N, C-alpha and C. Protein backbone atom coordinates (compact mmCIF):
# COMPACT_ATOMS: atom_id res chain seq x y z
N MET A 1 89.69 124.46 121.23
CA MET A 1 90.20 123.40 121.02
C MET A 1 91.68 123.94 120.67
N ALA A 2 92.49 122.86 121.12
CA ALA A 2 94.28 122.84 121.64
C ALA A 2 94.43 122.85 119.68
N PRO A 3 96.08 123.60 119.57
CA PRO A 3 96.03 123.41 118.12
C PRO A 3 96.73 122.21 117.59
N ALA A 4 96.54 121.69 116.27
CA ALA A 4 97.43 120.41 116.34
C ALA A 4 98.85 120.76 116.46
N SER A 5 99.57 119.49 117.20
CA SER A 5 101.24 119.69 117.59
C SER A 5 101.71 118.76 116.33
N SER A 6 102.77 119.72 115.79
CA SER A 6 103.71 118.86 114.40
C SER A 6 103.59 117.45 114.25
N THR A 7 103.42 116.47 115.55
CA THR A 7 103.04 115.23 115.39
C THR A 7 102.23 114.54 115.10
N ASP A 8 101.11 115.00 114.74
CA ASP A 8 99.62 114.78 114.58
C ASP A 8 99.93 114.81 113.05
N VAL A 9 99.29 113.49 112.53
CA VAL A 9 99.34 113.13 111.01
C VAL A 9 98.00 112.96 110.43
N ASP A 10 97.27 114.39 109.86
CA ASP A 10 96.23 114.04 108.72
C ASP A 10 96.59 112.69 107.85
N GLU A 11 96.28 111.75 108.32
CA GLU A 11 95.85 110.46 107.11
C GLU A 11 94.91 110.25 105.88
N THR A 12 93.99 111.67 105.71
CA THR A 12 93.42 111.81 104.81
C THR A 12 94.34 112.03 103.51
N PHE A 13 95.71 113.01 103.44
CA PHE A 13 96.35 113.02 102.29
C PHE A 13 97.40 113.15 103.22
N LEU A 14 98.37 112.47 102.46
CA LEU A 14 100.05 112.30 103.22
C LEU A 14 100.73 112.88 102.02
N GLY A 15 100.21 113.87 101.00
CA GLY A 15 101.70 114.55 100.44
C GLY A 15 102.71 114.89 101.21
N GLY A 16 103.81 114.95 100.87
CA GLY A 16 104.66 115.53 101.96
C GLY A 16 105.15 114.84 103.13
N LYS A 17 104.52 113.40 103.24
CA LYS A 17 105.08 112.86 104.54
C LYS A 17 105.73 111.54 103.95
N LEU A 18 106.25 110.74 104.76
CA LEU A 18 106.87 109.71 104.90
C LEU A 18 106.34 108.83 105.06
N LEU A 19 106.30 107.37 104.35
CA LEU A 19 105.76 106.30 104.70
C LEU A 19 106.79 105.24 104.91
N ILE A 20 107.06 104.31 106.20
CA ILE A 20 107.51 103.55 106.65
C ILE A 20 107.14 102.17 106.61
N ALA A 21 107.48 101.36 105.76
CA ALA A 21 106.77 99.75 105.70
C ALA A 21 107.20 99.07 107.12
N THR A 22 105.99 98.52 107.67
CA THR A 22 105.85 97.82 108.51
C THR A 22 106.20 96.15 108.22
N PRO A 23 106.10 95.09 108.85
CA PRO A 23 106.49 93.83 108.49
C PRO A 23 104.86 93.50 108.06
N SER A 24 103.83 94.01 108.27
CA SER A 24 102.50 93.54 107.74
C SER A 24 101.86 93.87 106.62
N ILE A 25 103.52 94.88 105.86
CA ILE A 25 103.68 94.82 104.29
C ILE A 25 103.00 94.03 103.49
N GLY A 26 103.45 92.82 103.64
CA GLY A 26 103.02 91.45 102.61
C GLY A 26 103.81 91.62 101.24
N ASP A 27 104.71 92.60 100.64
CA ASP A 27 104.61 92.65 99.39
C ASP A 27 106.54 92.68 99.50
N PRO A 28 106.84 91.49 99.13
CA PRO A 28 108.17 91.97 99.10
C PRO A 28 108.92 93.29 98.46
N ARG A 29 108.19 93.62 97.40
CA ARG A 29 109.00 94.80 96.92
C ARG A 29 108.90 95.76 97.86
N PHE A 30 108.25 96.13 98.71
CA PHE A 30 108.53 97.03 99.76
C PHE A 30 108.84 97.11 100.94
N ASP A 31 109.26 95.61 101.10
CA ASP A 31 109.89 95.12 102.85
C ASP A 31 111.25 95.95 102.89
N ARG A 32 110.94 96.90 104.24
CA ARG A 32 111.87 97.76 104.79
C ARG A 32 111.82 98.95 103.81
N THR A 33 110.90 99.04 103.41
CA THR A 33 110.97 100.43 102.44
C THR A 33 110.64 101.80 103.20
N VAL A 34 111.43 102.73 102.93
CA VAL A 34 111.20 104.56 103.22
C VAL A 34 110.59 104.92 102.14
N ILE A 35 109.14 105.74 102.00
CA ILE A 35 108.61 106.40 100.74
C ILE A 35 108.54 107.85 100.78
N VAL A 36 108.35 108.54 100.00
CA VAL A 36 108.52 110.08 100.12
C VAL A 36 107.43 109.94 99.15
N MET A 37 105.96 110.36 100.38
CA MET A 37 104.96 110.69 99.30
C MET A 37 104.77 112.35 98.47
N CYS A 38 104.55 111.71 97.20
CA CYS A 38 105.16 113.04 96.39
C CYS A 38 103.34 113.63 96.03
N ASP A 39 102.73 112.84 95.99
CA ASP A 39 100.85 113.40 96.08
C ASP A 39 99.94 112.46 96.18
N HIS A 40 99.19 113.18 96.98
CA HIS A 40 97.67 111.97 97.38
C HIS A 40 96.58 112.75 97.14
N SER A 41 95.27 112.02 96.71
CA SER A 41 94.19 112.61 96.87
C SER A 41 93.19 111.55 97.05
N PRO A 42 91.60 111.84 96.61
CA PRO A 42 90.85 110.66 96.76
C PRO A 42 91.11 110.05 95.72
N ASP A 43 91.80 110.40 94.56
CA ASP A 43 91.75 109.19 93.51
C ASP A 43 92.86 108.50 93.24
N HIS A 44 94.16 109.03 94.03
CA HIS A 44 94.99 108.15 93.58
C HIS A 44 96.01 108.60 94.82
N ALA A 45 97.44 107.68 94.87
CA ALA A 45 98.55 108.20 95.49
C ALA A 45 99.76 107.88 94.81
N MET A 46 100.71 108.47 95.21
CA MET A 46 101.93 108.48 94.24
C MET A 46 103.37 108.54 95.42
N GLY A 47 104.27 108.46 95.14
CA GLY A 47 105.51 108.21 96.40
C GLY A 47 106.62 107.61 95.43
N ILE A 48 108.05 108.05 96.09
CA ILE A 48 109.38 107.91 95.57
C ILE A 48 109.91 106.72 96.66
N ILE A 49 110.24 105.27 96.61
CA ILE A 49 111.05 104.56 97.33
C ILE A 49 112.53 105.10 97.55
N ILE A 50 112.89 105.54 98.56
CA ILE A 50 114.46 106.15 98.89
C ILE A 50 115.63 105.62 99.06
N ASN A 51 115.31 103.91 99.47
CA ASN A 51 116.28 103.10 100.33
C ASN A 51 116.70 102.26 99.58
N LYS A 52 115.82 101.71 98.40
CA LYS A 52 116.35 100.85 97.48
C LYS A 52 117.42 100.46 95.82
N PRO A 53 118.57 100.49 96.22
CA PRO A 53 119.14 101.35 95.40
C PRO A 53 119.05 100.08 94.01
N ALA A 54 119.44 100.90 92.59
CA ALA A 54 119.33 99.36 91.56
C ALA A 54 120.96 98.73 92.09
N ASP A 55 120.98 97.66 91.33
CA ASP A 55 121.63 96.56 91.06
C ASP A 55 122.77 97.45 90.15
N ASP A 56 124.00 97.48 90.72
CA ASP A 56 124.79 97.84 89.34
C ASP A 56 125.33 99.31 88.87
N LEU A 57 123.83 100.30 89.11
CA LEU A 57 123.41 101.33 88.48
C LEU A 57 123.91 102.93 89.24
N ARG A 58 124.92 103.44 89.21
CA ARG A 58 125.40 104.51 89.82
C ARG A 58 125.07 105.98 88.95
N LEU A 59 124.97 107.03 89.07
CA LEU A 59 124.17 108.04 88.57
C LEU A 59 125.39 108.52 86.97
N PRO A 60 126.61 108.64 87.27
CA PRO A 60 127.69 108.72 86.32
C PRO A 60 127.43 107.56 85.01
N GLU A 61 126.96 106.64 85.46
CA GLU A 61 126.76 105.90 84.10
C GLU A 61 125.32 106.15 83.38
N LEU A 62 124.39 106.36 84.27
CA LEU A 62 123.02 106.84 84.21
C LEU A 62 122.99 107.80 82.90
N PHE A 63 123.79 108.83 83.63
CA PHE A 63 124.35 110.01 82.57
C PHE A 63 124.68 110.09 81.40
N GLU A 64 125.31 108.98 81.60
CA GLU A 64 126.22 108.33 80.26
C GLU A 64 125.22 107.99 79.20
N GLN A 65 124.78 106.89 79.86
CA GLN A 65 123.78 106.40 78.78
C GLN A 65 122.35 107.54 78.59
N LEU A 66 122.35 108.51 78.97
CA LEU A 66 121.31 109.57 78.36
C LEU A 66 122.09 110.42 78.00
N GLY A 67 123.12 110.41 77.67
CA GLY A 67 124.10 111.74 77.00
C GLY A 67 123.77 112.99 77.79
N VAL A 68 123.73 113.02 79.06
CA VAL A 68 123.76 114.55 80.04
C VAL A 68 124.96 114.71 80.14
N ASP A 69 125.57 115.78 79.56
CA ASP A 69 126.91 116.29 79.50
C ASP A 69 126.92 117.55 80.33
N GLY A 70 127.81 118.07 81.44
CA GLY A 70 127.28 119.45 81.91
C GLY A 70 128.69 119.35 82.38
N ILE A 71 129.20 120.34 82.83
CA ILE A 71 130.74 121.26 83.25
C ILE A 71 130.85 120.52 84.78
N ARG A 72 130.13 119.87 85.33
CA ARG A 72 130.19 119.06 86.65
C ARG A 72 129.90 117.43 86.37
N PRO A 73 130.91 117.19 86.67
CA PRO A 73 130.29 115.73 86.91
C PRO A 73 129.26 114.81 87.82
N ALA A 74 128.61 113.69 87.31
CA ALA A 74 127.28 113.37 87.67
C ALA A 74 128.19 113.11 89.31
N PRO A 75 127.31 113.47 90.40
CA PRO A 75 127.81 112.65 91.92
C PRO A 75 127.82 111.50 91.49
N ASP A 76 128.92 110.46 92.14
CA ASP A 76 128.81 109.15 92.47
C ASP A 76 127.66 108.74 93.40
N THR A 77 126.86 108.61 93.13
CA THR A 77 125.98 108.18 94.03
C THR A 77 124.53 106.73 93.10
N PRO A 78 123.90 105.96 93.74
CA PRO A 78 123.51 105.39 93.40
C PRO A 78 122.31 105.42 92.90
N VAL A 79 121.64 104.94 91.71
CA VAL A 79 119.97 105.06 90.99
C VAL A 79 119.77 104.18 92.11
N LEU A 80 118.15 104.74 92.75
CA LEU A 80 117.19 104.41 93.29
C LEU A 80 116.19 103.34 92.15
N ILE A 81 115.40 102.24 93.24
CA ILE A 81 114.19 102.11 92.40
C ILE A 81 113.31 102.36 93.17
N GLY A 82 112.77 103.49 92.82
CA GLY A 82 111.67 104.21 93.19
C GLY A 82 110.29 103.48 93.61
N GLY A 83 110.00 102.42 92.71
CA GLY A 83 109.09 101.66 92.83
C GLY A 83 108.68 101.15 91.60
N PRO A 84 107.75 100.08 91.51
CA PRO A 84 107.46 99.07 90.56
C PRO A 84 106.57 99.51 89.12
N VAL A 85 106.03 100.97 89.20
CA VAL A 85 105.46 101.26 88.03
C VAL A 85 106.52 102.76 87.13
N ASP A 86 106.39 102.16 86.01
CA ASP A 86 107.47 103.40 85.52
C ASP A 86 108.59 102.82 85.54
N GLN A 87 108.97 101.79 85.28
CA GLN A 87 110.71 101.86 85.96
C GLN A 87 111.56 102.02 85.01
N ASP A 88 110.81 102.59 84.14
CA ASP A 88 112.26 102.96 82.71
C ASP A 88 111.79 104.62 82.71
N ARG A 89 111.31 104.92 83.40
CA ARG A 89 111.39 106.82 83.57
C ARG A 89 112.06 106.90 84.79
N GLY A 90 112.99 108.02 84.82
CA GLY A 90 113.56 108.38 86.09
C GLY A 90 112.20 109.97 86.76
N PHE A 91 112.52 109.80 88.04
CA PHE A 91 112.26 110.81 88.93
C PHE A 91 113.14 111.37 89.96
N VAL A 92 113.68 112.71 89.89
CA VAL A 92 114.12 113.29 90.96
C VAL A 92 113.73 114.25 91.88
N LEU A 93 114.08 113.37 93.05
CA LEU A 93 113.83 114.48 94.42
C LEU A 93 114.81 115.52 94.62
N HIS A 94 114.33 116.89 94.79
CA HIS A 94 115.55 117.30 94.94
C HIS A 94 115.31 119.05 95.75
N THR A 95 116.33 119.61 96.33
CA THR A 95 116.00 120.47 97.08
C THR A 95 115.07 121.71 96.41
N ARG A 96 114.28 122.66 96.49
CA ARG A 96 113.62 123.70 95.67
C ARG A 96 114.32 124.68 95.39
N ASP A 97 115.72 124.53 95.71
CA ASP A 97 116.49 125.68 95.01
C ASP A 97 116.84 125.38 93.54
N TYR A 98 115.80 124.17 93.06
CA TYR A 98 115.54 123.79 91.54
C TYR A 98 114.19 123.96 91.50
N SER A 99 113.88 124.46 90.44
CA SER A 99 112.43 124.62 90.07
C SER A 99 112.15 124.55 88.36
N SER A 100 111.15 123.69 87.70
CA SER A 100 110.89 123.99 86.52
C SER A 100 109.47 124.40 86.58
N LEU A 101 108.98 125.52 86.22
CA LEU A 101 107.53 125.95 86.59
C LEU A 101 106.46 125.07 86.08
N GLU A 102 106.94 124.19 84.85
CA GLU A 102 105.69 123.29 84.25
C GLU A 102 106.52 122.02 84.79
N ALA A 103 107.61 121.75 85.63
CA ALA A 103 107.41 120.38 85.45
C ALA A 103 107.77 119.74 86.78
N THR A 104 107.64 120.45 87.92
CA THR A 104 108.28 120.13 89.54
C THR A 104 107.22 120.40 90.01
N LEU A 105 106.75 119.27 90.86
CA LEU A 105 105.74 119.13 91.66
C LEU A 105 106.64 119.63 92.84
N PRO A 106 105.72 120.44 93.62
CA PRO A 106 106.14 120.87 95.00
C PRO A 106 105.95 119.51 96.03
N VAL A 107 106.65 118.82 96.57
CA VAL A 107 106.25 117.76 97.81
C VAL A 107 106.24 118.92 98.95
N SER A 108 107.19 119.54 98.93
CA SER A 108 106.94 119.79 100.84
C SER A 108 107.70 121.20 100.56
N PRO A 109 107.66 122.61 101.60
CA PRO A 109 108.18 123.25 100.79
C PRO A 109 109.16 123.14 100.75
N ARG A 110 110.54 122.56 100.98
CA ARG A 110 111.99 122.30 100.59
C ARG A 110 112.13 121.24 99.90
N ILE A 111 111.25 120.50 99.26
CA ILE A 111 111.45 119.43 98.54
C ILE A 111 110.39 119.41 97.36
N GLY A 112 111.26 119.19 96.16
CA GLY A 112 110.26 118.95 94.60
C GLY A 112 110.78 117.92 93.90
N LEU A 113 109.78 117.43 93.16
CA LEU A 113 109.85 116.32 92.28
C LEU A 113 110.05 116.72 91.11
N THR A 114 111.30 116.64 90.28
CA THR A 114 110.24 116.78 89.01
C THR A 114 111.11 115.42 87.98
N ALA A 115 110.67 114.97 86.75
CA ALA A 115 110.50 113.73 86.06
C ALA A 115 110.84 114.35 84.65
N THR A 116 111.54 115.35 84.14
CA THR A 116 112.10 115.71 82.85
C THR A 116 113.69 115.81 83.08
N LYS A 117 113.98 115.95 81.76
CA LYS A 117 115.78 115.61 81.56
C LYS A 117 116.23 116.71 82.06
N ASP A 118 115.46 118.08 81.92
CA ASP A 118 115.74 119.43 82.44
C ASP A 118 116.52 119.65 83.83
N VAL A 119 116.18 118.64 84.46
CA VAL A 119 117.01 118.57 85.86
C VAL A 119 118.21 117.91 86.09
N LEU A 120 118.37 116.77 85.31
CA LEU A 120 119.64 116.37 85.14
C LEU A 120 120.63 117.14 84.52
N ASP A 121 120.08 118.06 83.82
CA ASP A 121 120.78 119.00 83.27
C ASP A 121 121.24 120.18 83.71
N ALA A 122 120.31 120.16 84.98
CA ALA A 122 120.82 121.27 86.28
C ALA A 122 121.63 120.73 86.84
N ILE A 123 121.72 119.12 87.49
CA ILE A 123 122.46 118.32 88.05
C ILE A 123 124.02 118.68 87.51
N ALA A 124 124.04 118.60 86.32
CA ALA A 124 125.51 118.53 85.63
C ALA A 124 125.91 120.29 85.59
N SER A 125 125.14 120.88 86.02
CA SER A 125 125.49 122.80 85.41
C SER A 125 126.02 122.70 86.70
N SER A 126 126.71 124.53 86.47
CA SER A 126 127.29 124.76 87.68
C SER A 126 126.26 125.38 88.86
N HIS A 127 125.38 125.20 88.75
CA HIS A 127 123.78 125.55 89.71
C HIS A 127 122.95 124.35 89.74
N PRO A 128 123.74 123.37 90.22
CA PRO A 128 122.75 122.30 90.90
C PRO A 128 121.77 122.52 91.42
N PRO A 129 120.71 121.55 91.94
CA PRO A 129 120.06 121.80 93.21
C PRO A 129 120.91 121.25 94.26
N GLN A 130 120.61 122.10 95.49
CA GLN A 130 121.56 121.63 96.61
C GLN A 130 122.06 119.97 96.82
N ARG A 131 120.84 119.27 97.05
CA ARG A 131 120.51 118.06 97.10
C ARG A 131 119.55 117.52 96.44
N SER A 132 119.88 116.14 96.11
CA SER A 132 118.99 115.32 95.07
C SER A 132 119.47 113.60 94.99
N LEU A 133 118.43 112.97 94.56
CA LEU A 133 118.52 111.93 94.36
C LEU A 133 117.47 111.33 92.86
N LEU A 134 118.16 110.51 92.25
CA LEU A 134 117.17 110.30 91.29
C LEU A 134 116.70 108.37 91.38
N ALA A 135 115.32 108.66 90.86
CA ALA A 135 114.91 107.10 91.27
C ALA A 135 114.05 106.65 89.85
N LEU A 136 114.10 105.24 89.19
CA LEU A 136 113.68 104.74 88.49
C LEU A 136 112.38 104.31 89.04
N GLY A 137 111.07 105.07 88.44
CA GLY A 137 109.88 104.06 88.75
C GLY A 137 109.27 104.87 89.81
N TYR A 138 108.12 104.40 90.26
CA TYR A 138 107.64 105.17 91.29
C TYR A 138 106.27 104.02 91.96
N ALA A 139 106.15 104.22 93.43
CA ALA A 139 104.89 103.30 93.74
C ALA A 139 103.62 104.06 93.49
N GLY A 140 102.66 103.43 93.18
CA GLY A 140 101.26 104.32 92.97
C GLY A 140 100.09 103.22 93.41
N TRP A 141 99.20 103.60 93.85
CA TRP A 141 98.11 103.74 94.75
C TRP A 141 96.94 104.08 94.02
N GLY A 142 96.01 103.29 93.75
CA GLY A 142 94.34 103.48 92.94
C GLY A 142 93.61 104.25 93.90
N ALA A 143 92.50 104.80 93.62
CA ALA A 143 91.33 104.95 94.92
C ALA A 143 91.25 104.35 95.85
N GLY A 144 91.35 104.67 97.35
CA GLY A 144 91.12 103.49 98.22
C GLY A 144 92.14 102.79 98.86
N GLN A 145 93.16 102.28 97.79
CA GLN A 145 94.15 101.29 98.01
C GLN A 145 94.97 102.05 99.16
N LEU A 146 95.58 102.93 99.24
CA LEU A 146 96.58 103.16 100.74
C LEU A 146 95.98 103.18 101.66
N GLU A 147 94.94 103.81 101.60
CA GLU A 147 93.97 103.69 102.79
C GLU A 147 93.92 102.51 103.53
N GLN A 148 93.46 101.40 102.49
CA GLN A 148 93.16 100.25 103.27
C GLN A 148 94.69 99.73 103.68
N GLU A 149 95.53 99.65 103.03
CA GLU A 149 96.97 99.24 103.39
C GLU A 149 97.19 100.20 104.81
N LEU A 150 96.46 101.27 105.12
CA LEU A 150 96.89 102.03 106.32
C LEU A 150 95.99 101.25 107.56
N ALA A 151 95.13 101.41 106.86
CA ALA A 151 94.19 100.61 108.13
C ALA A 151 94.84 99.14 108.44
N ALA A 152 95.09 98.24 107.17
CA ALA A 152 95.76 97.24 107.86
C ALA A 152 97.19 97.28 108.63
N ASN A 153 97.65 98.70 109.39
CA ASN A 153 99.10 98.89 109.58
C ASN A 153 100.47 98.24 108.61
N ALA A 154 100.14 98.48 107.34
CA ALA A 154 101.05 98.01 106.43
C ALA A 154 102.38 99.17 106.52
N TRP A 155 101.84 100.42 107.00
CA TRP A 155 102.71 101.69 106.90
C TRP A 155 102.51 102.38 108.26
N LEU A 156 103.59 103.14 108.58
CA LEU A 156 103.29 104.13 109.49
C LEU A 156 103.83 105.14 108.99
N VAL A 157 103.25 106.49 109.20
CA VAL A 157 103.25 107.88 108.61
C VAL A 157 103.95 108.60 109.12
N ILE A 158 105.42 109.38 109.08
CA ILE A 158 105.47 110.54 109.72
C ILE A 158 106.04 111.58 108.78
N GLU A 159 106.54 112.60 109.53
CA GLU A 159 106.83 113.83 108.80
C GLU A 159 107.99 113.64 108.09
N LEU A 160 108.02 114.52 107.25
CA LEU A 160 109.01 114.09 105.96
C LEU A 160 110.26 115.09 106.48
N ASP A 161 111.38 114.62 106.52
CA ASP A 161 113.11 114.57 107.31
C ASP A 161 113.83 114.94 106.32
N GLU A 162 114.45 115.87 105.91
CA GLU A 162 115.13 116.10 104.80
C GLU A 162 116.54 115.18 104.85
N THR A 163 117.05 115.75 105.76
CA THR A 163 118.46 114.78 106.19
C THR A 163 118.30 113.49 106.33
N LEU A 164 117.02 112.82 106.63
CA LEU A 164 116.88 111.40 106.39
C LEU A 164 116.66 110.71 104.81
N VAL A 165 115.91 111.86 103.78
CA VAL A 165 115.94 111.81 102.49
C VAL A 165 117.27 111.86 101.51
N PHE A 166 117.97 112.80 102.01
CA PHE A 166 119.20 113.39 101.30
C PHE A 166 120.57 112.66 102.11
N ASP A 167 120.91 112.30 103.31
CA ASP A 167 122.00 112.23 104.12
C ASP A 167 122.53 111.41 104.67
N THR A 168 121.27 110.48 104.66
CA THR A 168 121.15 109.03 105.42
C THR A 168 121.12 108.13 104.37
N GLY A 169 122.48 107.26 104.94
CA GLY A 169 122.86 105.94 103.39
C GLY A 169 121.52 105.25 103.26
N ASP A 170 121.67 104.66 102.38
CA ASP A 170 119.71 103.97 101.98
C ASP A 170 119.72 102.82 102.63
N ALA A 171 120.90 101.80 103.20
CA ALA A 171 120.94 101.02 104.18
C ALA A 171 120.54 101.21 105.42
N ASP A 172 120.55 102.71 105.70
CA ASP A 172 120.07 102.98 107.42
C ASP A 172 119.12 103.71 107.34
N LYS A 173 118.08 104.19 106.43
CA LYS A 173 117.09 104.93 106.57
C LYS A 173 116.18 104.20 106.86
N TRP A 174 115.81 102.48 106.72
CA TRP A 174 114.37 102.11 107.40
C TRP A 174 114.44 102.41 108.76
N GLN A 175 115.88 101.96 109.25
CA GLN A 175 116.09 102.20 110.53
C GLN A 175 115.92 103.52 111.59
N ARG A 176 116.59 104.55 110.53
CA ARG A 176 116.93 105.59 111.03
C ARG A 176 115.27 106.43 110.95
N ALA A 177 114.14 105.99 110.10
CA ALA A 177 112.95 106.71 110.02
C ALA A 177 112.15 105.92 111.35
N LEU A 178 112.63 104.69 111.57
CA LEU A 178 112.02 104.17 112.24
C LEU A 178 112.57 105.01 114.29
N ASP A 179 113.90 105.35 114.37
CA ASP A 179 114.29 106.02 115.20
C ASP A 179 113.56 107.31 115.73
N LEU A 180 113.47 107.83 114.53
CA LEU A 180 112.80 109.48 114.20
C LEU A 180 111.65 109.53 115.60
N ILE A 181 110.96 108.28 115.07
CA ILE A 181 109.22 107.96 115.94
C ILE A 181 109.43 106.85 117.63
N GLY A 182 110.98 106.60 117.67
CA GLY A 182 111.25 105.71 118.81
C GLY A 182 110.06 104.49 118.56
N VAL A 183 110.21 103.89 117.96
CA VAL A 183 109.80 102.54 117.28
C VAL A 183 110.71 101.92 117.06
N SER A 184 111.01 100.05 117.50
CA SER A 184 111.78 99.34 117.16
C SER A 184 111.48 98.64 116.50
N PRO A 185 112.37 97.65 115.38
CA PRO A 185 111.91 96.49 114.27
C PRO A 185 111.07 95.69 115.52
N GLU A 186 111.84 95.03 116.82
CA GLU A 186 111.06 94.03 117.43
C GLU A 186 109.27 94.51 117.98
N HIS A 187 109.08 95.46 117.94
CA HIS A 187 107.90 96.01 118.73
C HIS A 187 107.10 95.86 117.41
N LEU A 188 107.41 96.36 116.25
CA LEU A 188 106.43 96.19 115.03
C LEU A 188 106.34 94.49 114.71
N SER A 189 107.43 93.86 114.69
CA SER A 189 107.02 92.48 114.34
C SER A 189 106.50 91.88 115.27
N ALA A 190 106.31 92.46 116.32
CA ALA A 190 105.15 91.77 117.88
C ALA A 190 103.71 92.37 117.59
N LEU A 191 103.55 93.29 116.90
CA LEU A 191 102.17 94.16 116.32
C LEU A 191 101.64 93.37 115.20
N SER A 192 102.74 93.42 114.31
CA SER A 192 102.01 92.38 113.14
C SER A 192 101.76 90.86 113.05
N GLY A 193 102.27 90.15 114.07
CA GLY A 193 102.52 88.88 114.14
C GLY A 193 101.16 88.34 114.34
N HIS A 194 100.10 88.61 114.71
CA HIS A 194 99.08 87.83 114.76
C HIS A 194 97.98 88.01 113.53
N ALA A 195 97.26 87.04 113.29
CA ALA A 195 96.82 86.97 111.92
C ALA A 195 95.33 87.46 112.02
């Protein structure tokens, strides 16, 4: 048996992968989204939308609201809407040069997820994570729900790309994710056009 190639996707557990919404998604909250899948098991799935900035909320303003004060000013980046669940709670995707033993969930070998104030303090410190983004809320699925959406062609699954996550502008992430696998939006519309 030949070894699996790096493009093969095990759709059983998708932690550490990216989901790209297709026109079949049927939910405006997820239209043209790209999601970093942080956790996936038979019981649940959880991910962070990485390309939906919050209206008029940037990281320095949020740091001020939360009383995060450090030697470095917060990067002037948008706060993202990470999903419809727990939107009053912050989730930070970051490189794993920062890690909290009790609070960081390893997403991939190079990316972690932390949802405690400690990571915000680290971002404002002299030793911040090399790359990070903050989202309010997350996308969550119950047992079997994501698998049903995958079967209905609502999502494309690709390998996690750190450059896409941290270095691509929010407005360009969906198109860039499709470009990584050579799929055009027109092709997606044609595939999802039948009822």
